[in-house]
Amino acid sequence: MRLFILIGAINAFLSVALGAFGAHVLKDRIPDKIDVFQTGVHYHMIHAVALLVIALLADRLPHTSLVTASGWAIFIGIILFSGSLYALSLTGLKVFGPITPLGGVSFLVGWVLLAIAALK
């Protein structure tokens, strides 16, 4: 599960860096879209920490395939959900809007898989 520790740590770093970038650089450049950007940062950090927790739980839960699938679903959710919000706020292209819910579904799938792993 070192991979999920690595992915979680990298994503936590990116979340902090992007949050600072949004607060210090983008705040005045995209004032009408900064809330969209910050929503991406918020969910990015929450799910980066979730990846770290998943890495720690993998050794404690017997169904590691479910835990692993949960981690990948959450990582895909970060890419789709937060990534689409970053792209939408920075470019204004509406094409990124429909991608966001797919990331949200991926987050939900990840959390459900983790819950199932805990129940088994």
C-alpha atoms as a PDB file:
ATOM      1  CA  MET A   1       0.000   0.000   0.000  1.00  0.00           C
ATOM      2  CA  ARG A   2       3.036   2.270  -0.260  1.00  0.00           C
ATOM      3  CA  LEU A   3       1.658   3.332  -3.618  1.00  0.00           C
ATOM      4  CA  PHE A   4      -1.426   4.882  -1.994  1.00  0.00           C
ATOM      5  CA  ILE A   5       0.764   6.629   0.579  1.00  0.00           C
ATOM      6  CA  LEU A   6       2.769   8.076  -2.309  1.00  0.00           C
ATOM      7  CA  ILE A   7      -0.314   9.042  -4.325  1.00  0.00           C
ATOM      8  CA  GLY A   8      -1.999  10.492  -1.230  1.00  0.00           C
ATOM      9  CA  ALA A   9       1.077  12.509  -0.229  1.00  0.00           C
ATOM     10  CA  ILE A  10       1.555  13.868  -3.753  1.00  0.00           C
ATOM     11  CA  ASN A  11      -2.098  14.838  -3.952  1.00  0.00           C
ATOM     12  CA  ALA A  12      -2.033  16.484  -0.520  1.00  0.00           C
ATOM     13  CA  PHE A  13       0.993  18.497  -1.666  1.00  0.00           C
ATOM     14  CA  LEU A  14      -0.768  19.464  -4.906  1.00  0.00           C
ATOM     15  CA  SER A  15      -3.882  20.457  -3.001  1.00  0.00           C
ATOM     16  CA  VAL A  16      -1.937  22.802  -0.737  1.00  0.00           C
ATOM     17  CA  ALA A  17       0.012  24.235  -3.668  1.00  0.00           C
ATOM     18  CA  LEU A  18      -3.125  24.764  -5.749  1.00  0.00           C
ATOM     19  CA  GLY A  19      -4.965  26.266  -2.786  1.00  0.00           C
ATOM     20  CA  ALA A  20      -2.162  28.773  -2.279  1.00  0.00           C
ATOM     21  CA  PHE A  21      -2.063  29.489  -6.015  1.00  0.00           C
ATOM     22  CA  GLY A  22      -5.801  30.133  -5.978  1.00  0.00           C
ATOM     23  CA  ALA A  23      -5.664  32.349  -2.907  1.00  0.00           C
ATOM     24  CA  HIS A  24      -2.667  34.416  -3.976  1.00  0.00           C
ATOM     25  CA  VAL A  25      -2.696  34.435  -7.767  1.00  0.00           C
ATOM     26  CA  LEU A  26      -6.149  33.575  -9.036  1.00  0.00           C
ATOM     27  CA  LYS A  27      -8.287  35.388  -6.494  1.00  0.00           C
ATOM     28  CA  ASP A  28      -8.093  38.659  -8.416  1.00  0.00           C
ATOM     29  CA  ARG A  29      -7.822  37.107 -11.894  1.00  0.00           C
ATOM     30  CA  ILE A  30     -10.930  34.915 -11.770  1.00  0.00           C
ATOM     31  CA  PRO A  31     -13.017  36.424  -8.959  1.00  0.00           C
ATOM     32  CA  ASP A  32     -16.246  35.023 -10.401  1.00  0.00           C
ATOM     33  CA  LYS A  33     -14.833  31.472 -10.566  1.00  0.00           C
ATOM     34  CA  ILE A  34     -12.565  31.306  -7.518  1.00  0.00           C
ATOM     35  CA  ASP A  35     -15.245  29.497  -5.514  1.00  0.00           C
ATOM     36  CA  VAL A  36     -15.319  26.733  -8.141  1.00  0.00           C
ATOM     37  CA  PHE A  37     -11.533  26.456  -7.955  1.00  0.00           C
ATOM     38  CA  GLN A  38     -11.582  26.350  -4.138  1.00  0.00           C
ATOM     39  CA  THR A  39     -14.245  23.625  -4.183  1.00  0.00           C
ATOM     40  CA  GLY A  40     -11.832  21.569  -6.267  1.00  0.00           C
ATOM     41  CA  VAL A  41      -9.056  22.223  -3.755  1.00  0.00           C
ATOM     42  CA  HIS A  42     -11.294  21.300  -0.821  1.00  0.00           C
ATOM     43  CA  TYR A  43     -12.356  17.939  -2.246  1.00  0.00           C
ATOM     44  CA  HIS A  44      -8.813  17.325  -3.485  1.00  0.00           C
ATOM     45  CA  MET A  45      -7.405  17.578   0.048  1.00  0.00           C
ATOM     46  CA  ILE A  46     -10.143  15.533   1.686  1.00  0.00           C
ATOM     47  CA  HIS A  47      -9.601  12.707  -0.735  1.00  0.00           C
ATOM     48  CA  ALA A  48      -5.799  12.947  -0.613  1.00  0.00           C
ATOM     49  CA  VAL A  49      -6.086  12.302   3.125  1.00  0.00           C
ATOM     50  CA  ALA A  50      -8.561   9.503   2.380  1.00  0.00           C
ATOM     51  CA  LEU A  51      -5.904   7.829   0.220  1.00  0.00           C
ATOM     52  CA  LEU A  52      -3.483   7.953   3.150  1.00  0.00           C
ATOM     53  CA  VAL A  53      -6.110   6.405   5.425  1.00  0.00           C
ATOM     54  CA  ILE A  54      -6.837   3.711   2.844  1.00  0.00           C
ATOM     55  CA  ALA A  55      -3.130   2.884   2.702  1.00  0.00           C
ATOM     56  CA  LEU A  56      -3.074   2.447   6.473  1.00  0.00           C
ATOM     57  CA  LEU A  57      -6.287   0.410   6.549  1.00  0.00           C
ATOM     58  CA  ALA A  58      -5.177  -1.988   3.837  1.00  0.00           C
ATOM     59  CA  ASP A  59      -3.073  -3.938   6.326  1.00  0.00           C
ATOM     60  CA  ARG A  60      -5.918  -4.128   8.825  1.00  0.00           C
ATOM     61  CA  LEU A  61      -8.816  -5.143   6.597  1.00  0.00           C
ATOM     62  CA  PRO A  62      -8.929  -8.665   5.193  1.00  0.00           C
ATOM     63  CA  HIS A  63     -10.382  -7.819   1.782  1.00  0.00           C
ATOM     64  CA  THR A  64      -7.491  -5.850   0.336  1.00  0.00           C
ATOM     65  CA  SER A  65      -8.866  -6.037  -3.210  1.00  0.00           C
ATOM     66  CA  LEU A  66     -11.880  -3.969  -2.107  1.00  0.00           C
ATOM     67  CA  VAL A  67      -9.620  -1.540  -0.274  1.00  0.00           C
ATOM     68  CA  THR A  68      -7.373  -1.254  -3.331  1.00  0.00           C
ATOM     69  CA  ALA A  69     -10.362  -0.692  -5.608  1.00  0.00           C
ATOM     70  CA  SER A  70     -11.574   1.955  -3.175  1.00  0.00           C
ATOM     71  CA  GLY A  71      -8.239   3.759  -3.399  1.00  0.00           C
ATOM     72  CA  TRP A  72      -8.226   3.727  -7.178  1.00  0.00           C
ATOM     73  CA  ALA A  73     -11.830   4.966  -7.330  1.00  0.00           C
ATOM     74  CA  ILE A  74     -10.978   7.853  -5.021  1.00  0.00           C
ATOM     75  CA  PHE A  75      -7.850   8.698  -7.019  1.00  0.00           C
ATOM     76  CA  ILE A  76      -9.894   8.718 -10.236  1.00  0.00           C
ATOM     77  CA  GLY A  77     -12.416  10.907  -8.427  1.00  0.00           C
ATOM     78  CA  ILE A  78      -9.685  13.433  -7.606  1.00  0.00           C
ATOM     79  CA  ILE A  79      -8.656  13.571 -11.248  1.00  0.00           C
ATOM     80  CA  LEU A  80     -12.189  13.856 -12.610  1.00  0.00           C
ATOM     81  CA  PHE A  81     -13.862  15.961  -9.916  1.00  0.00           C
ATOM     82  CA  SER A  82     -11.137  18.344  -8.808  1.00  0.00           C
ATOM     83  CA  GLY A  83      -9.393  18.310 -12.175  1.00  0.00           C
ATOM     84  CA  SER A  84     -12.561  19.292 -14.022  1.00  0.00           C
ATOM     85  CA  LEU A  85     -13.281  22.077 -11.522  1.00  0.00           C
ATOM     86  CA  TYR A  86      -9.734  23.414 -11.953  1.00  0.00           C
ATOM     87  CA  ALA A  87     -10.066  23.274 -15.740  1.00  0.00           C
ATOM     88  CA  LEU A  88     -13.545  24.815 -15.706  1.00  0.00           C
ATOM     89  CA  SER A  89     -12.528  27.719 -13.492  1.00  0.00           C
ATOM     90  CA  LEU A  90      -9.281  28.418 -15.368  1.00  0.00           C
ATOM     91  CA  THR A  91     -10.565  28.074 -18.930  1.00  0.00           C
ATOM     92  CA  GLY A  92     -14.260  28.826 -18.630  1.00  0.00           C
ATOM     93  CA  LEU A  93     -14.923  25.978 -21.065  1.00  0.00           C
ATOM     94  CA  LYS A  94     -18.282  24.433 -20.237  1.00  0.00           C
ATOM     95  CA  VAL A  95     -17.161  21.086 -21.660  1.00  0.00           C
ATOM     96  CA  PHE A  96     -15.508  20.325 -18.303  1.00  0.00           C
ATOM     97  CA  GLY A  97     -18.788  20.727 -16.386  1.00  0.00           C
ATOM     98  CA  PRO A  98     -20.249  17.294 -17.225  1.00  0.00           C
ATOM     99  CA  ILE A  99     -17.033  15.579 -16.087  1.00  0.00           C
ATOM    100  CA  THR A 100     -17.405  16.801 -12.494  1.00  0.00           C
ATOM    101  CA  PRO A 101     -20.343  14.524 -11.574  1.00  0.00           C
ATOM    102  CA  LEU A 102     -18.405  11.516 -12.879  1.00  0.00           C
ATOM    103  CA  GLY A 103     -15.706  12.349 -10.359  1.00  0.00           C
ATOM    104  CA  GLY A 104     -18.340  12.665  -7.645  1.00  0.00           C
ATOM    105  CA  VAL A 105     -19.690   9.224  -8.522  1.00  0.00           C
ATOM    106  CA  SER A 106     -16.146   7.870  -8.402  1.00  0.00           C
ATOM    107  CA  PHE A 107     -15.737   9.319  -4.892  1.00  0.00           C
ATOM    108  CA  LEU A 108     -18.997   7.674  -3.836  1.00  0.00           C
ATOM    109  CA  VAL A 109     -17.945   4.328  -5.290  1.00  0.00           C
ATOM    110  CA  GLY A 110     -14.648   4.558  -3.421  1.00  0.00           C
ATOM    111  CA  TRP A 111     -16.357   5.237  -0.104  1.00  0.00           C
ATOM    112  CA  VAL A 112     -18.895   2.435  -0.650  1.00  0.00           C
ATOM    113  CA  LEU A 113     -16.136  -0.053  -1.505  1.00  0.00           C
ATOM    114  CA  LEU A 114     -14.286   0.929   1.650  1.00  0.00           C
ATOM    115  CA  ALA A 115     -17.439   0.468   3.714  1.00  0.00           C
ATOM    116  CA  ILE A 116     -18.035  -2.968   2.197  1.00  0.00           C
ATOM    117  CA  ALA A 117     -14.426  -3.941   2.932  1.00  0.00           C
ATOM    118  CA  ALA A 118     -14.926  -2.905   6.559  1.00  0.00           C
ATOM    119  CA  LEU A 119     -18.145  -4.916   6.866  1.00  0.00           C
ATOM    120  CA  LYS A 120     -16.720  -8.149   5.445  1.00  0.00           C
END
